[in-house]
Amino acid sequence: MLLRVDGHEVAIAHDGSAALAAFGGFAPDVILLDIGMPGPNGYEVAQKIRHSRPGAQIKLIAITGWGQESDKERAFAAGFDHHLTKPVDPRQLNALLEL
């Protein structure tokens, strides 16, 4: 809702399979992914997105409750550009969206 209020076009998926299906018909600049979603998890979805459009300038942001250093390392290894731990500060998210 906050993203829409700020004028962003938003597509929502509630699991990994739906996220990949939505990605197939959408050309986003930024993707926010929960790591622990059902089906293919966020790590797997991020890897598939990176492999499906190599070189694409899509910013992948992990949104997760998993905030240990090892979780961050795993997110970056999967292809995420940023890692935010819940609850996400809207100002921090907006700053990343403006980069």
C-alpha atoms as a PDB file:
ATOM      1  CA  MET A   1       0.000   0.000   0.000  1.00  0.00           C
ATOM      2  CA  LEU A   2       2.821   2.422   0.850  1.00  0.00           C
ATOM      3  CA  LEU A   3       4.477   1.766  -2.496  1.00  0.00           C
ATOM      4  CA  ARG A   4       1.250   2.491  -4.379  1.00  0.00           C
ATOM      5  CA  VAL A   5       0.717   5.695  -2.412  1.00  0.00           C
ATOM      6  CA  ASP A   6       4.197   6.776  -3.510  1.00  0.00           C
ATOM      7  CA  GLY A   7       3.190   6.190  -7.145  1.00  0.00           C
ATOM      8  CA  HIS A   8       4.821   2.820  -7.766  1.00  0.00           C
ATOM      9  CA  GLU A   9       3.164   0.165  -9.900  1.00  0.00           C
ATOM     10  CA  VAL A  10       2.858  -2.953  -7.742  1.00  0.00           C
ATOM     11  CA  ALA A  11       2.215  -6.628  -8.434  1.00  0.00           C
ATOM     12  CA  ILE A  12       1.716  -8.969  -5.472  1.00  0.00           C
ATOM     13  CA  ALA A  13       2.383 -12.704  -5.223  1.00  0.00           C
ATOM     14  CA  HIS A  14       1.883 -14.799  -2.103  1.00  0.00           C
ATOM     15  CA  ASP A  15       4.270 -17.663  -2.864  1.00  0.00           C
ATOM     16  CA  GLY A  16       7.373 -18.401  -4.892  1.00  0.00           C
ATOM     17  CA  SER A  17       5.564 -19.960  -7.854  1.00  0.00           C
ATOM     18  CA  ALA A  18       3.185 -17.010  -8.117  1.00  0.00           C
ATOM     19  CA  ALA A  19       6.129 -14.607  -7.861  1.00  0.00           C
ATOM     20  CA  LEU A  20       7.865 -16.282 -10.789  1.00  0.00           C
ATOM     21  CA  ALA A  21       4.639 -16.294 -12.823  1.00  0.00           C
ATOM     22  CA  ALA A  22       4.077 -12.592 -12.105  1.00  0.00           C
ATOM     23  CA  PHE A  23       7.679 -11.821 -13.051  1.00  0.00           C
ATOM     24  CA  GLY A  24       7.155 -13.486 -16.418  1.00  0.00           C
ATOM     25  CA  GLY A  25       4.506 -10.931 -17.377  1.00  0.00           C
ATOM     26  CA  PHE A  26       5.931  -7.885 -15.621  1.00  0.00           C
ATOM     27  CA  ALA A  27       9.100  -5.899 -16.255  1.00  0.00           C
ATOM     28  CA  PRO A  28       9.918  -4.521 -12.803  1.00  0.00           C
ATOM     29  CA  ASP A  29      12.756  -2.233 -11.857  1.00  0.00           C
ATOM     30  CA  VAL A  30      12.662  -3.487  -8.258  1.00  0.00           C
ATOM     31  CA  ILE A  31      11.490  -6.743  -6.696  1.00  0.00           C
ATOM     32  CA  LEU A  32      10.851  -7.141  -2.969  1.00  0.00           C
ATOM     33  CA  LEU A  33      10.974 -10.802  -1.957  1.00  0.00           C
ATOM     34  CA  ASP A  34      10.273 -12.476   1.350  1.00  0.00           C
ATOM     35  CA  ILE A  35      12.907 -15.157   1.893  1.00  0.00           C
ATOM     36  CA  GLY A  36      10.592 -17.519   3.768  1.00  0.00           C
ATOM     37  CA  MET A  37       7.672 -17.623   1.353  1.00  0.00           C
ATOM     38  CA  PRO A  38       6.107 -20.989   0.497  1.00  0.00           C
ATOM     39  CA  GLY A  39       6.948 -22.903  -2.654  1.00  0.00           C
ATOM     40  CA  PRO A  40      10.250 -21.883  -4.082  1.00  0.00           C
ATOM     41  CA  ASN A  41      11.655 -19.685  -1.308  1.00  0.00           C
ATOM     42  CA  GLY A  42      13.059 -16.210  -1.854  1.00  0.00           C
ATOM     43  CA  TYR A  43      16.588 -17.485  -2.427  1.00  0.00           C
ATOM     44  CA  GLU A  44      15.396 -19.829  -5.176  1.00  0.00           C
ATOM     45  CA  VAL A  45      13.183 -17.178  -6.763  1.00  0.00           C
ATOM     46  CA  ALA A  46      16.050 -14.670  -6.770  1.00  0.00           C
ATOM     47  CA  GLN A  47      18.351 -17.182  -8.464  1.00  0.00           C
ATOM     48  CA  LYS A  48      15.739 -18.003 -11.109  1.00  0.00           C
ATOM     49  CA  ILE A  49      15.119 -14.323 -11.791  1.00  0.00           C
ATOM     50  CA  ARG A  50      18.850 -13.643 -12.190  1.00  0.00           C
ATOM     51  CA  HIS A  51      19.261 -16.649 -14.508  1.00  0.00           C
ATOM     52  CA  SER A  52      16.190 -15.836 -16.608  1.00  0.00           C
ATOM     53  CA  ARG A  53      17.320 -12.295 -17.435  1.00  0.00           C
ATOM     54  CA  PRO A  54      21.107 -12.138 -17.209  1.00  0.00           C
ATOM     55  CA  GLY A  55      22.401  -8.603 -17.182  1.00  0.00           C
ATOM     56  CA  ALA A  56      18.974  -7.101 -16.481  1.00  0.00           C
ATOM     57  CA  GLN A  57      19.101  -4.090 -14.193  1.00  0.00           C
ATOM     58  CA  ILE A  58      16.548  -5.400 -11.703  1.00  0.00           C
ATOM     59  CA  LYS A  59      17.115  -4.446  -8.077  1.00  0.00           C
ATOM     60  CA  LEU A  60      16.330  -7.419  -5.806  1.00  0.00           C
ATOM     61  CA  ILE A  61      15.609  -6.605  -2.169  1.00  0.00           C
ATOM     62  CA  ALA A  62      15.207  -9.355   0.432  1.00  0.00           C
ATOM     63  CA  ILE A  63      12.570  -8.595   3.060  1.00  0.00           C
ATOM     64  CA  THR A  64      12.900 -11.134   5.849  1.00  0.00           C
ATOM     65  CA  GLY A  65      12.805 -11.926   9.516  1.00  0.00           C
ATOM     66  CA  TRP A  66      16.128 -13.713   9.122  1.00  0.00           C
ATOM     67  CA  GLY A  67      18.793 -11.156   9.979  1.00  0.00           C
ATOM     68  CA  GLN A  68      21.904 -13.068  10.969  1.00  0.00           C
ATOM     69  CA  GLU A  69      25.104 -12.336   9.062  1.00  0.00           C
ATOM     70  CA  SER A  70      24.925 -15.808   7.484  1.00  0.00           C
ATOM     71  CA  ASP A  71      21.378 -15.021   6.249  1.00  0.00           C
ATOM     72  CA  LYS A  72      22.636 -11.837   4.604  1.00  0.00           C
ATOM     73  CA  GLU A  73      25.545 -13.662   2.981  1.00  0.00           C
ATOM     74  CA  ARG A  74      23.197 -16.319   1.636  1.00  0.00           C
ATOM     75  CA  ALA A  75      20.871 -13.616   0.246  1.00  0.00           C
ATOM     76  CA  PHE A  76      23.715 -11.863  -1.573  1.00  0.00           C
ATOM     77  CA  ALA A  77      24.979 -15.205  -2.915  1.00  0.00           C
ATOM     78  CA  ALA A  78      21.479 -15.897  -4.282  1.00  0.00           C
ATOM     79  CA  GLY A  79      21.511 -12.635  -6.230  1.00  0.00           C
ATOM     80  CA  PHE A  80      19.916 -10.093  -3.916  1.00  0.00           C
ATOM     81  CA  ASP A  81      21.266  -6.546  -4.009  1.00  0.00           C
ATOM     82  CA  HIS A  82      19.983  -5.586  -0.560  1.00  0.00           C
ATOM     83  CA  HIS A  83      18.807  -7.340   2.601  1.00  0.00           C
ATOM     84  CA  LEU A  84      16.252  -5.748   4.943  1.00  0.00           C
ATOM     85  CA  THR A  85      15.154  -7.333   8.191  1.00  0.00           C
ATOM     86  CA  LYS A  86      11.517  -7.045   9.291  1.00  0.00           C
ATOM     87  CA  PRO A  87      10.018  -4.806  10.408  1.00  0.00           C
ATOM     88  CA  VAL A  88      11.291  -2.697   7.550  1.00  0.00           C
ATOM     89  CA  ASP A  89      11.770   1.014   8.114  1.00  0.00           C
ATOM     90  CA  PRO A  90       9.825   2.721   5.278  1.00  0.00           C
ATOM     91  CA  ARG A  91      12.483   5.451   5.055  1.00  0.00           C
ATOM     92  CA  GLN A  92      15.191   2.838   4.519  1.00  0.00           C
ATOM     93  CA  LEU A  93      13.109   1.125   1.818  1.00  0.00           C
ATOM     94  CA  ASN A  94      12.397   4.450   0.089  1.00  0.00           C
ATOM     95  CA  ALA A  95      16.117   5.265   0.124  1.00  0.00           C
ATOM     96  CA  LEU A  96      16.856   1.964  -1.638  1.00  0.00           C
ATOM     97  CA  LEU A  97      14.108   2.556  -4.189  1.00  0.00           C
ATOM     98  CA  GLU A  98      15.634   5.932  -5.072  1.00  0.00           C
ATOM     99  CA  LEU A  99      19.130   4.489  -5.745  1.00  0.00           C
END
